[in-house]
């Protein structure tokens, strides 16, 4: 339906400008054949499944929370006070180095692989 003064409910001086602005706005922002967010997600998931992938969701502790920091501190202090603290740290050092990490206090050599 064409925009008229009767269906715009605007003062006379704005009727024509508002109708043109409205039509221009729709033409400038509406892309033909644009996918909705749901369609884009569906397409992405289909491509990923076709590549042998499947979605999973996991929940992990929020390491940014004060509660996590307090609990980590409590647990690390308990480990440090234990009778096996030296052996426990040696174990962590071996594992860290085995997976490419460096234990605290280890010097990193520029030539190491």
Protein backbone atom coordinates (compact mmCIF):
# COMPACT_ATOMS: atom_id res chain seq x y z
CA UNK A 1 0.00 0.00 0.00
CA UNK A 2 1.46 3.39 -0.93
CA UNK A 3 2.23 5.77 1.91
CA UNK A 4 -0.37 8.47 2.25
CA UNK A 5 -1.08 11.16 4.79
CA UNK A 6 -3.93 9.01 6.11
CA UNK A 7 -1.83 5.94 6.91
CA UNK A 8 1.36 7.65 8.15
CA UNK A 9 -0.18 9.64 11.01
CA UNK A 10 2.45 12.36 10.57
CA UNK A 11 2.12 16.11 10.18
CA UNK A 12 1.80 17.25 6.55
CA UNK A 13 5.40 18.47 6.19
CA UNK A 14 6.80 15.07 7.29
CA UNK A 15 4.49 12.76 5.35
CA UNK A 16 6.40 12.67 2.07
CA UNK A 17 9.86 12.72 3.69
CA UNK A 18 8.95 9.97 6.15
CA UNK A 19 7.51 7.76 3.45
CA UNK A 20 10.62 8.17 1.28
CA UNK A 21 12.94 7.67 4.23
CA UNK A 22 11.10 4.53 5.26
CA UNK A 23 11.27 3.03 1.77
CA UNK A 24 14.91 4.07 1.34
CA UNK A 25 15.80 2.61 4.73
CA UNK A 26 14.21 -0.71 3.89
CA UNK A 27 15.92 -0.86 0.50
CA UNK A 28 19.34 -0.01 1.98
CA UNK A 29 19.29 -2.56 4.78
CA UNK A 30 17.33 -5.47 3.39
CA UNK A 31 19.44 -7.85 1.34
CA UNK A 32 17.59 -10.28 -0.87
CA UNK A 33 18.29 -13.91 -0.01
CA UNK A 34 20.07 -12.98 3.26
CA UNK A 35 20.25 -15.91 5.66
CA UNK A 36 18.85 -15.58 9.14
CA UNK A 37 21.09 -16.34 12.11
CA UNK A 38 19.32 -19.69 12.53
CA UNK A 39 19.95 -20.60 8.90
CA UNK A 40 23.64 -19.62 9.13
CA UNK A 41 24.11 -21.77 12.25
CA UNK A 42 22.27 -24.69 10.64
CA UNK A 43 24.48 -24.41 7.54
CA UNK A 44 27.67 -24.20 9.61
CA UNK A 45 26.73 -27.25 11.68
CA UNK A 46 25.88 -29.22 8.54
CA UNK A 47 29.29 -28.38 7.00
CA UNK A 48 31.06 -29.39 10.21
CA UNK A 49 29.16 -32.70 10.39
CA UNK A 50 29.98 -33.36 6.74
CA UNK A 51 33.65 -32.95 7.71
CA UNK A 52 33.32 -35.65 10.37
CA UNK A 53 32.89 -33.33 13.34
CA UNK A 54 30.20 -33.31 16.00
CA UNK A 55 29.27 -30.62 18.52
CA UNK A 56 29.83 -31.08 22.22
CA UNK A 57 29.25 -28.84 25.20
CA UNK A 58 31.30 -28.96 28.38
CA UNK A 59 31.12 -26.97 31.56
CA UNK A 60 34.33 -25.95 33.25
CA UNK A 61 35.05 -23.89 36.37
CA UNK A 62 35.19 -20.14 35.85
CA UNK A 63 38.87 -19.50 36.58
CA UNK A 64 38.16 -15.76 36.74
CA UNK A 65 35.91 -16.05 39.79
CA UNK A 66 37.15 -15.15 43.27
CA UNK A 67 35.79 -18.46 44.56
CA UNK A 68 37.97 -20.40 42.12
CA UNK A 69 41.06 -18.43 43.14
CA UNK A 70 40.38 -19.01 46.83
CA UNK A 71 39.82 -22.75 46.31
CA UNK A 72 42.95 -23.09 44.14
CA UNK A 73 44.99 -21.31 46.81
CA UNK A 74 43.58 -23.55 49.56
CA UNK A 75 44.35 -26.71 47.59
CA UNK A 76 47.86 -25.65 46.56
CA UNK A 77 48.67 -24.72 50.18
CA UNK A 78 47.45 -28.16 51.33
CA UNK A 79 49.63 -29.88 48.73
CA UNK A 80 52.64 -27.77 49.73
CA UNK A 81 52.18 -28.78 53.40
CA UNK A 82 51.85 -32.48 52.67
CA UNK A 83 54.56 -34.99 53.56
CA UNK A 84 54.91 -35.89 49.88
CA UNK A 85 55.19 -32.30 48.59
CA UNK A 86 58.67 -32.81 47.12
CA UNK A 87 57.66 -36.00 45.31
CA UNK A 88 54.40 -34.42 44.13
CA UNK A 89 56.27 -31.44 42.67
CA UNK A 90 58.81 -33.72 40.99
CA UNK A 91 55.93 -35.61 39.38
CA UNK A 92 54.37 -32.36 38.10
CA UNK A 93 57.75 -31.24 36.74
CA UNK A 94 58.22 -34.50 34.81
CA UNK A 95 54.72 -34.36 33.34
CA UNK A 96 55.03 -30.68 32.45
CA UNK A 97 58.28 -31.25 30.60
CA UNK A 98 56.94 -34.40 28.89
CA UNK A 99 54.12 -32.44 27.25
CA UNK A 100 56.29 -29.53 26.19
CA UNK A 101 55.82 -27.30 29.18
CA UNK A 102 58.48 -25.92 31.44
CA UNK A 103 58.40 -26.41 35.17
CA UNK A 104 58.71 -23.36 37.38
CA UNK A 105 62.36 -22.46 37.76
CA UNK A 106 63.46 -24.25 34.61
CA UNK A 107 65.43 -22.10 32.22
CA UNK A 108 64.16 -22.06 28.67
CA UNK A 109 66.90 -22.59 26.16
CA UNK A 110 66.42 -20.96 22.74
CA UNK A 111 67.81 -24.13 21.14
CA UNK A 112 65.54 -26.56 22.98
CA UNK A 113 62.88 -28.39 20.99
